């Protein structure tokens, strides 16, 4: 969950899933996705944190889906350079670790606050084990959605998302809905990062 301090208070970045995809079709969700073998390999290099692969997967997926990169050293890059790196990443060659190394970037694992772990019930035919993190958005970077799986990317107040859900304007899955409810009590990014406690949702 990428956060920023907006004019009217705390805002979180949302992406709108395409109607053409099979999972969460047309739902308003937070950027993210599955970890891949490269995330595990890079995690082994970076340290012993058991959540490192999940943090790396979150950083990579957010970058792929929105163009926002959580990495130390990115202030040296122009928006055009970041866009080019993202384009290469989406093509799959080279991998994320190589792209980071080529541009002397370090994934900002320390900026991600682990706040939830959702596991789908055993009765579901397709199951997920999903970790949720909070992170402050990179300063003065614009978000843009990835074409294909997504239809839009925008900043919203958590309270606004809850209202849209009640009105039926957007569909929010249960983890997204509860996350917005939890975020809605905070006024600033700093408050959310320090005040949002970890929750386990095993089913």
Foldseek 3Di string as FASTA:
>chain_A
DAWAADPQFIKAKWFAFDCPDDPCRRFIHHFFDDFDPVLVVVQVVVDDPPCSSVLVRRQLRQCLFWVFHQKPPCVVDDSVRSVVLSVCCVVPPPHPVVSCVVRVIGHPSVQWAWAEWAWDDPPDPDIDTHTDTYGYTPPPDGTFGHPDGTDTMDMDQLVVVLVCCVVVVHPYDPVSNVVSVQRNVDGGSVCCRPPRHHDYHND
